[in-house]
Structures are given as structure tokens and as C-alpha cells.
Amino acid sequence: MTRGSSASAEGAPGESEEFGDSPSPRDTGPAGCPPGQWAGAPQPLAALTEAARGTELPFHVLDLSGVTDKAAFLTACATTLAFPSWFGRNWDALADCLSDLAPGTVVVVSGWRAYADARPEEWETAQEILTEAGPVTALLALEP
């Protein structure tokens, strides 16, 4: 399994060997995705939104439309996720603030393609941080 993937050995999106064959409802978020994982392949925003709103978990859509660099990405995160005023706008501060979010928080990332194309190394770092943020389930919205 590659870093940031939540596919099991059988390749089913949203399943993770780490969480066993039958995770309890508390251990899964939308699309059957455990906290700290991506939900496999990107899915349509409407479907992710509906799935997330069908839970009692805190839910945010991180819209990265127009974001093409790290500073804009961190600003979008700070605004969308209501980070405190002391947020340092660097990767370590992002990881710290994400780890302070409520357990089970769902972040659906939309409009991400331009950033991923413009700054692939930064996008990879951003994905790693979102994946490793303990209480957060990060889901990618399918880009048109």
C-alpha cells in the first residue's frame, strides 16, 4: 500500500488493513474512510458532502480554487478550519492545528488540481500532513 492510500490488499477504496475487516462506525468516516486516511480515488464533491453530512462528525469543505502556492494553501486552511490567530502559516503549524481539531473531523478538499499541478512537491507535503493529522479524515473531491 502506498503512503496516503486507503485501499486494502484487495484494492477496495476506503478499506484499510490497519483497521481490520469490520471497523466499527466510530472508526470510520464518510466513504468508509478511517481517520487519518484518504478515501482512495477522488469522488464527486456532492457525494462526499452528502456522505459527510450524513454523519454527526464535524465537516468542512476546503476549497482550493485559485490556490497555487503554499502561502495561499495555508491561508485557505486557516480560514476554512478556523485556526487560531497565532497559526504560524508553516507546515509544522498546520500539523499542530490539524491535530487540535475535534476527533473525527472530516475535511473534503476541492479545487485542488491547480495547486497540485503548480506545486507538486508542496501538494505532496500537504497531503502527507493531512493524512497524518490524527483526528482528521481528508477526502479529495473529484475534479471536473
N, C-alpha and C. Protein backbone atom coordinates (compact mmCIF):
# COMPACT_ATOMS: atom_id res chain seq x y z
N MET A 1 0.85 -1.17 0.00
CA MET A 1 0.00 0.00 0.00
C MET A 1 0.90 1.23 0.00
N THR A 2 0.58 2.24 -0.79
CA THR A 2 1.38 3.45 -0.86
C THR A 2 0.93 4.44 0.19
N ARG A 3 1.81 5.35 0.53
CA ARG A 3 1.50 6.37 1.52
C ARG A 3 0.31 7.19 1.05
N GLY A 4 -0.64 7.43 1.97
CA GLY A 4 -1.81 8.23 1.64
C GLY A 4 -2.93 7.44 0.99
N SER A 5 -2.73 6.17 0.76
CA SER A 5 -3.77 5.34 0.15
C SER A 5 -4.54 4.64 1.24
N SER A 6 -5.81 4.42 0.99
CA SER A 6 -6.59 3.68 1.97
C SER A 6 -7.16 2.41 1.36
N ALA A 7 -6.58 1.97 0.26
CA ALA A 7 -7.06 0.75 -0.36
C ALA A 7 -6.43 -0.46 0.32
N SER A 8 -7.21 -1.49 0.52
CA SER A 8 -6.69 -2.71 1.12
C SER A 8 -5.97 -3.52 0.07
N ALA A 9 -5.46 -4.66 0.48
CA ALA A 9 -4.75 -5.53 -0.45
C ALA A 9 -5.65 -5.92 -1.62
N GLU A 10 -6.97 -5.99 -1.37
CA GLU A 10 -7.90 -6.32 -2.44
C GLU A 10 -8.18 -5.11 -3.32
N GLY A 11 -7.75 -3.93 -2.91
CA GLY A 11 -7.90 -2.73 -3.72
C GLY A 11 -9.23 -2.01 -3.54
N ALA A 12 -10.00 -2.34 -2.53
CA ALA A 12 -11.28 -1.67 -2.33
C ALA A 12 -11.06 -0.31 -1.69
N PRO A 13 -11.54 0.77 -2.30
CA PRO A 13 -11.36 2.09 -1.72
C PRO A 13 -12.01 2.16 -0.35
N GLY A 14 -11.33 2.89 0.55
CA GLY A 14 -11.90 3.15 1.85
C GLY A 14 -11.66 2.07 2.87
N GLU A 15 -10.99 0.98 2.50
CA GLU A 15 -10.70 -0.07 3.47
C GLU A 15 -9.22 -0.04 3.79
N SER A 16 -8.90 -0.27 5.04
CA SER A 16 -7.52 -0.26 5.47
C SER A 16 -7.26 -1.48 6.32
N GLU A 17 -6.22 -2.23 5.99
CA GLU A 17 -5.89 -3.43 6.75
C GLU A 17 -5.62 -3.07 8.20
N GLU A 18 -5.06 -1.90 8.43
CA GLU A 18 -4.71 -1.46 9.76
C GLU A 18 -5.91 -1.43 10.68
N PHE A 19 -7.11 -1.21 10.16
CA PHE A 19 -8.30 -1.10 10.97
C PHE A 19 -9.15 -2.36 10.95
N GLY A 20 -8.66 -3.44 10.36
CA GLY A 20 -9.38 -4.70 10.38
C GLY A 20 -10.45 -4.78 9.31
N ASP A 21 -11.09 -5.95 9.23
CA ASP A 21 -12.09 -6.18 8.19
C ASP A 21 -13.41 -5.48 8.46
N SER A 22 -13.78 -5.34 9.72
CA SER A 22 -15.08 -4.77 10.04
C SER A 22 -14.94 -3.64 11.05
N PRO A 23 -14.52 -2.45 10.60
CA PRO A 23 -14.37 -1.35 11.55
C PRO A 23 -15.72 -0.95 12.10
N SER A 24 -15.72 -0.52 13.34
CA SER A 24 -16.96 -0.05 13.93
C SER A 24 -17.31 1.30 13.33
N PRO A 25 -18.58 1.72 13.41
CA PRO A 25 -18.98 3.01 12.86
C PRO A 25 -18.17 4.16 13.44
N ARG A 26 -17.72 4.05 14.68
CA ARG A 26 -16.92 5.12 15.29
C ARG A 26 -15.55 5.23 14.64
N ASP A 27 -15.06 4.15 14.03
CA ASP A 27 -13.73 4.13 13.45
C ASP A 27 -13.71 4.53 11.98
N THR A 28 -14.86 4.84 11.41
CA THR A 28 -14.89 5.19 10.00
C THR A 28 -15.59 6.51 9.80
N GLY A 29 -15.20 7.19 8.74
CA GLY A 29 -15.84 8.43 8.35
C GLY A 29 -16.58 8.21 7.06
N PRO A 30 -16.86 9.27 6.34
CA PRO A 30 -17.54 9.15 5.06
C PRO A 30 -16.76 8.24 4.12
N ALA A 31 -17.45 7.55 3.28
CA ALA A 31 -16.87 6.62 2.30
C ALA A 31 -16.12 5.48 2.98
N GLY A 32 -16.46 5.20 4.27
CA GLY A 32 -15.81 4.11 4.99
C GLY A 32 -14.34 4.38 5.27
N CYS A 33 -13.95 5.62 5.22
CA CYS A 33 -12.56 6.01 5.35
C CYS A 33 -12.20 6.25 6.81
N PRO A 34 -11.20 5.54 7.36
CA PRO A 34 -10.81 5.77 8.75
C PRO A 34 -10.11 7.11 8.91
N PRO A 35 -10.18 7.71 10.10
CA PRO A 35 -9.47 8.96 10.34
C PRO A 35 -7.99 8.83 9.96
N GLY A 36 -7.43 9.90 9.42
CA GLY A 36 -6.03 9.91 9.05
C GLY A 36 -5.76 9.26 7.71
N GLN A 37 -6.77 9.05 6.89
CA GLN A 37 -6.58 8.39 5.61
C GLN A 37 -7.29 9.16 4.51
N TRP A 38 -6.85 8.97 3.30
CA TRP A 38 -7.57 9.46 2.13
C TRP A 38 -8.56 8.39 1.74
N ALA A 39 -9.66 8.77 1.13
CA ALA A 39 -10.70 7.82 0.77
C ALA A 39 -10.44 7.19 -0.60
N GLY A 40 -9.21 6.83 -0.88
CA GLY A 40 -8.90 6.20 -2.15
C GLY A 40 -8.99 7.20 -3.28
N ALA A 41 -9.64 6.81 -4.36
CA ALA A 41 -9.76 7.69 -5.53
C ALA A 41 -10.68 8.87 -5.21
N PRO A 42 -10.39 10.02 -5.81
CA PRO A 42 -11.29 11.16 -5.62
C PRO A 42 -12.71 10.81 -6.02
N GLN A 43 -13.66 11.43 -5.32
CA GLN A 43 -15.07 11.19 -5.57
C GLN A 43 -15.76 12.53 -5.83
N PRO A 44 -16.93 12.53 -6.46
CA PRO A 44 -17.63 13.80 -6.70
C PRO A 44 -17.91 14.55 -5.40
N LEU A 45 -17.73 15.87 -5.44
CA LEU A 45 -17.92 16.70 -4.25
C LEU A 45 -19.30 16.50 -3.65
N ALA A 46 -20.34 16.46 -4.47
CA ALA A 46 -21.70 16.30 -3.95
C ALA A 46 -21.85 15.00 -3.17
N ALA A 47 -21.26 13.92 -3.67
CA ALA A 47 -21.36 12.63 -2.99
C ALA A 47 -20.60 12.65 -1.66
N LEU A 48 -19.42 13.26 -1.65
CA LEU A 48 -18.65 13.35 -0.41
C LEU A 48 -19.36 14.22 0.61
N THR A 49 -19.92 15.33 0.15
CA THR A 49 -20.64 16.23 1.04
C THR A 49 -21.85 15.52 1.65
N GLU A 50 -22.59 14.82 0.82
CA GLU A 50 -23.77 14.09 1.31
C GLU A 50 -23.37 13.02 2.33
N ALA A 51 -22.31 12.28 2.03
CA ALA A 51 -21.85 11.24 2.94
C ALA A 51 -21.40 11.83 4.27
N ALA A 52 -20.66 12.93 4.21
CA ALA A 52 -20.15 13.55 5.43
C ALA A 52 -21.28 14.16 6.25
N ARG A 53 -22.21 14.78 5.59
CA ARG A 53 -23.33 15.39 6.33
C ARG A 53 -24.27 14.34 6.90
N GLY A 54 -24.16 13.12 6.41
CA GLY A 54 -24.97 12.03 6.95
C GLY A 54 -24.41 11.49 8.26
N THR A 55 -23.29 12.03 8.70
CA THR A 55 -22.70 11.63 9.97
C THR A 55 -22.85 12.77 10.96
N GLU A 56 -22.47 12.52 12.18
CA GLU A 56 -22.50 13.58 13.19
C GLU A 56 -21.12 14.18 13.38
N LEU A 57 -20.22 13.91 12.46
CA LEU A 57 -18.85 14.38 12.57
C LEU A 57 -18.72 15.83 12.11
N PRO A 58 -17.78 16.59 12.72
CA PRO A 58 -17.51 17.95 12.21
C PRO A 58 -17.07 17.85 10.75
N PHE A 59 -17.56 18.76 9.92
CA PHE A 59 -17.37 18.67 8.47
C PHE A 59 -16.99 20.02 7.88
N HIS A 60 -15.98 20.03 7.00
CA HIS A 60 -15.52 21.26 6.34
C HIS A 60 -15.20 20.95 4.88
N VAL A 61 -15.48 21.89 3.99
CA VAL A 61 -15.02 21.80 2.61
C VAL A 61 -13.89 22.80 2.46
N LEU A 62 -12.69 22.30 2.20
CA LEU A 62 -11.51 23.13 1.98
C LEU A 62 -11.41 23.38 0.48
N ASP A 63 -11.90 24.53 0.05
CA ASP A 63 -11.92 24.88 -1.38
C ASP A 63 -10.60 25.53 -1.76
N LEU A 64 -9.83 24.85 -2.59
CA LEU A 64 -8.52 25.35 -3.01
C LEU A 64 -8.57 26.01 -4.39
N SER A 65 -9.74 26.35 -4.87
CA SER A 65 -9.86 27.05 -6.16
C SER A 65 -9.03 28.32 -6.10
N GLY A 66 -8.15 28.49 -7.07
CA GLY A 66 -7.29 29.67 -7.13
C GLY A 66 -6.02 29.56 -6.31
N VAL A 67 -5.86 28.50 -5.54
CA VAL A 67 -4.65 28.31 -4.74
C VAL A 67 -3.56 27.70 -5.61
N THR A 68 -2.41 28.37 -5.67
CA THR A 68 -1.30 27.86 -6.48
C THR A 68 0.02 27.89 -5.73
N ASP A 69 0.01 28.21 -4.44
CA ASP A 69 1.25 28.17 -3.67
C ASP A 69 0.97 27.88 -2.19
N LYS A 70 2.03 27.63 -1.47
CA LYS A 70 1.94 27.23 -0.07
C LYS A 70 1.24 28.29 0.78
N ALA A 71 1.59 29.56 0.58
CA ALA A 71 1.00 30.63 1.39
C ALA A 71 -0.51 30.66 1.22
N ALA A 72 -0.98 30.56 -0.01
CA ALA A 72 -2.42 30.56 -0.25
C ALA A 72 -3.08 29.31 0.31
N PHE A 73 -2.40 28.15 0.20
CA PHE A 73 -2.93 26.91 0.77
C PHE A 73 -3.10 27.05 2.29
N LEU A 74 -2.07 27.55 2.96
CA LEU A 74 -2.13 27.68 4.41
C LEU A 74 -3.19 28.69 4.84
N THR A 75 -3.35 29.77 4.06
CA THR A 75 -4.40 30.75 4.35
C THR A 75 -5.78 30.11 4.20
N ALA A 76 -5.97 29.33 3.15
CA ALA A 76 -7.25 28.64 2.95
C ALA A 76 -7.54 27.70 4.11
N CYS A 77 -6.53 26.97 4.56
CA CYS A 77 -6.71 26.07 5.71
C CYS A 77 -7.09 26.86 6.95
N ALA A 78 -6.36 27.94 7.21
CA ALA A 78 -6.62 28.75 8.41
C ALA A 78 -8.04 29.31 8.41
N THR A 79 -8.48 29.78 7.27
CA THR A 79 -9.82 30.37 7.16
C THR A 79 -10.91 29.31 7.28
N THR A 80 -10.79 28.25 6.49
CA THR A 80 -11.82 27.21 6.46
C THR A 80 -11.95 26.48 7.78
N LEU A 81 -10.81 26.18 8.40
CA LEU A 81 -10.82 25.37 9.61
C LEU A 81 -10.77 26.21 10.89
N ALA A 82 -10.89 27.52 10.75
CA ALA A 82 -10.95 28.45 11.89
C ALA A 82 -9.77 28.25 12.85
N PHE A 83 -8.57 28.26 12.26
CA PHE A 83 -7.37 28.14 13.10
C PHE A 83 -7.24 29.39 13.96
N PRO A 84 -6.56 29.27 15.11
CA PRO A 84 -6.38 30.43 15.99
C PRO A 84 -5.49 31.50 15.34
N SER A 85 -5.57 32.70 15.86
CA SER A 85 -4.82 33.83 15.29
C SER A 85 -3.31 33.60 15.35
N TRP A 86 -2.85 32.76 16.25
CA TRP A 86 -1.40 32.51 16.37
C TRP A 86 -0.89 31.46 15.39
N PHE A 87 -1.76 30.95 14.49
CA PHE A 87 -1.33 29.97 13.49
C PHE A 87 -0.12 30.52 12.73
N GLY A 88 0.98 29.75 12.72
CA GLY A 88 2.26 30.21 12.18
C GLY A 88 2.42 30.15 10.67
N ARG A 89 1.45 29.65 9.95
CA ARG A 89 1.49 29.57 8.48
C ARG A 89 2.76 28.90 7.95
N ASN A 90 3.03 27.72 8.53
CA ASN A 90 4.10 26.84 8.04
C ASN A 90 3.62 25.41 8.22
N TRP A 91 4.36 24.46 7.66
CA TRP A 91 3.91 23.06 7.69
C TRP A 91 3.76 22.53 9.11
N ASP A 92 4.71 22.85 10.01
CA ASP A 92 4.61 22.37 11.39
C ASP A 92 3.39 22.93 12.10
N ALA A 93 3.12 24.21 11.88
CA ALA A 93 1.95 24.83 12.49
C ALA A 93 0.66 24.22 11.95
N LEU A 94 0.65 23.90 10.65
CA LEU A 94 -0.53 23.23 10.06
C LEU A 94 -0.76 21.89 10.76
N ALA A 95 0.28 21.10 10.89
CA ALA A 95 0.15 19.80 11.55
C ALA A 95 -0.36 19.96 12.98
N ASP A 96 0.18 20.95 13.70
CA ASP A 96 -0.25 21.19 15.09
C ASP A 96 -1.73 21.57 15.15
N CYS A 97 -2.15 22.49 14.29
CA CYS A 97 -3.54 22.94 14.33
C CYS A 97 -4.51 21.84 13.89
N LEU A 98 -4.11 21.05 12.90
CA LEU A 98 -4.96 19.93 12.49
C LEU A 98 -5.12 18.92 13.62
N SER A 99 -4.06 18.68 14.37
CA SER A 99 -4.13 17.71 15.46
C SER A 99 -5.01 18.21 16.60
N ASP A 100 -5.28 19.51 16.64
CA ASP A 100 -6.14 20.08 17.67
C ASP A 100 -7.62 20.07 17.29
N LEU A 101 -7.94 19.67 16.06
CA LEU A 101 -9.34 19.63 15.64
C LEU A 101 -10.07 18.50 16.38
N ALA A 102 -11.38 18.60 16.42
CA ALA A 102 -12.20 17.59 17.10
C ALA A 102 -12.00 16.22 16.46
N PRO A 103 -11.98 15.17 17.27
CA PRO A 103 -11.84 13.82 16.72
C PRO A 103 -12.92 13.54 15.68
N GLY A 104 -12.50 12.92 14.58
CA GLY A 104 -13.43 12.55 13.52
C GLY A 104 -13.70 13.66 12.52
N THR A 105 -13.09 14.82 12.68
CA THR A 105 -13.30 15.92 11.75
C THR A 105 -13.07 15.46 10.31
N VAL A 106 -13.99 15.82 9.43
CA VAL A 106 -13.91 15.46 8.02
C VAL A 106 -13.58 16.72 7.23
N VAL A 107 -12.53 16.64 6.41
CA VAL A 107 -12.15 17.75 5.54
C VAL A 107 -12.21 17.24 4.10
N VAL A 108 -13.15 17.78 3.32
CA VAL A 108 -13.25 17.45 1.91
C VAL A 108 -12.47 18.53 1.16
N VAL A 109 -11.45 18.12 0.41
CA VAL A 109 -10.60 19.05 -0.32
C VAL A 109 -11.08 19.14 -1.76
N SER A 110 -11.52 20.32 -2.16
CA SER A 110 -11.99 20.53 -3.53
C SER A 110 -11.12 21.59 -4.21
N GLY A 111 -11.19 21.65 -5.52
CA GLY A 111 -10.44 22.64 -6.27
C GLY A 111 -8.93 22.51 -6.13
N TRP A 112 -8.44 21.32 -5.89
CA TRP A 112 -7.03 21.08 -5.56
C TRP A 112 -6.13 20.90 -6.78
N ARG A 113 -6.67 20.62 -7.94
CA ARG A 113 -5.87 20.26 -9.11
C ARG A 113 -4.85 21.34 -9.51
N ALA A 114 -5.25 22.62 -9.53
CA ALA A 114 -4.33 23.69 -9.93
C ALA A 114 -3.12 23.75 -9.00
N TYR A 115 -3.36 23.60 -7.70
CA TYR A 115 -2.25 23.61 -6.74
C TYR A 115 -1.37 22.40 -6.95
N ALA A 116 -1.97 21.24 -7.12
CA ALA A 116 -1.19 20.01 -7.33
C ALA A 116 -0.34 20.12 -8.59
N ASP A 117 -0.87 20.73 -9.64
CA ASP A 117 -0.12 20.89 -10.89
C ASP A 117 0.97 21.96 -10.78
N ALA A 118 0.65 23.07 -10.10
CA ALA A 118 1.60 24.18 -10.00
C ALA A 118 2.76 23.88 -9.05
N ARG A 119 2.48 23.18 -7.97
CA ARG A 119 3.49 22.92 -6.94
C ARG A 119 3.39 21.47 -6.45
N PRO A 120 3.79 20.51 -7.28
CA PRO A 120 3.61 19.10 -6.92
C PRO A 120 4.30 18.70 -5.61
N GLU A 121 5.48 19.23 -5.34
CA GLU A 121 6.16 18.86 -4.09
C GLU A 121 5.42 19.42 -2.88
N GLU A 122 4.95 20.65 -2.98
CA GLU A 122 4.17 21.24 -1.88
C GLU A 122 2.87 20.46 -1.69
N TRP A 123 2.21 20.11 -2.79
CA TRP A 123 0.96 19.36 -2.70
C TRP A 123 1.19 18.01 -2.02
N GLU A 124 2.29 17.35 -2.35
CA GLU A 124 2.62 16.08 -1.71
C GLU A 124 2.80 16.27 -0.21
N THR A 125 3.50 17.32 0.19
CA THR A 125 3.68 17.62 1.61
C THR A 125 2.34 17.89 2.28
N ALA A 126 1.50 18.68 1.62
CA ALA A 126 0.18 18.99 2.18
C ALA A 126 -0.63 17.72 2.39
N GLN A 127 -0.60 16.82 1.39
CA GLN A 127 -1.32 15.55 1.51
C GLN A 127 -0.78 14.72 2.67
N GLU A 128 0.53 14.67 2.82
CA GLU A 128 1.12 13.90 3.92
C GLU A 128 0.67 14.45 5.26
N ILE A 129 0.65 15.77 5.40
CA ILE A 129 0.24 16.37 6.67
C ILE A 129 -1.22 16.09 6.94
N LEU A 130 -2.07 16.24 5.94
CA LEU A 130 -3.49 15.93 6.13
C LEU A 130 -3.70 14.46 6.47
N THR A 131 -2.92 13.59 5.85
CA THR A 131 -3.04 12.15 6.10
C THR A 131 -2.60 11.80 7.52
N GLU A 132 -1.57 12.47 8.00
CA GLU A 132 -1.01 12.12 9.31
C GLU A 132 -1.68 12.86 10.46
N ALA A 133 -2.56 13.81 10.16
CA ALA A 133 -3.23 14.57 11.22
C ALA A 133 -4.21 13.65 11.93
N GLY A 134 -3.88 13.28 13.15
CA GLY A 134 -4.61 12.30 13.93
C GLY A 134 -6.11 12.28 13.82
N PRO A 135 -6.82 13.34 14.19
CA PRO A 135 -8.28 13.22 14.24
C PRO A 135 -8.99 13.53 12.93
N VAL A 136 -8.24 13.77 11.86
CA VAL A 136 -8.84 14.27 10.62
C VAL A 136 -8.97 13.17 9.57
N THR A 137 -10.12 13.11 8.91
CA THR A 137 -10.29 12.29 7.71
C THR A 137 -10.33 13.27 6.55
N ALA A 138 -9.37 13.16 5.65
CA ALA A 138 -9.30 14.05 4.49
C ALA A 138 -9.75 13.30 3.25
N LEU A 139 -10.66 13.90 2.51
CA LEU A 139 -11.22 13.29 1.30
C LEU A 139 -11.00 14.24 0.13
N LEU A 140 -10.57 13.70 -1.00
CA LEU A 140 -10.39 14.51 -2.20
C LEU A 140 -11.65 14.49 -3.05
N ALA A 141 -12.08 15.68 -3.46
CA ALA A 141 -13.21 15.78 -4.37
C ALA A 141 -12.70 15.59 -5.79
N LEU A 142 -13.47 14.88 -6.59
CA LEU A 142 -13.14 14.65 -7.99
C LEU A 142 -13.17 15.97 -8.73
N GLU A 143 -12.13 16.23 -9.49
CA GLU A 143 -12.05 17.47 -10.26
C GLU A 143 -12.71 17.28 -11.62
N PRO A 144 -13.42 18.30 -12.09
CA PRO A 144 -14.09 18.19 -13.41
C PRO A 144 -13.08 18.09 -14.54
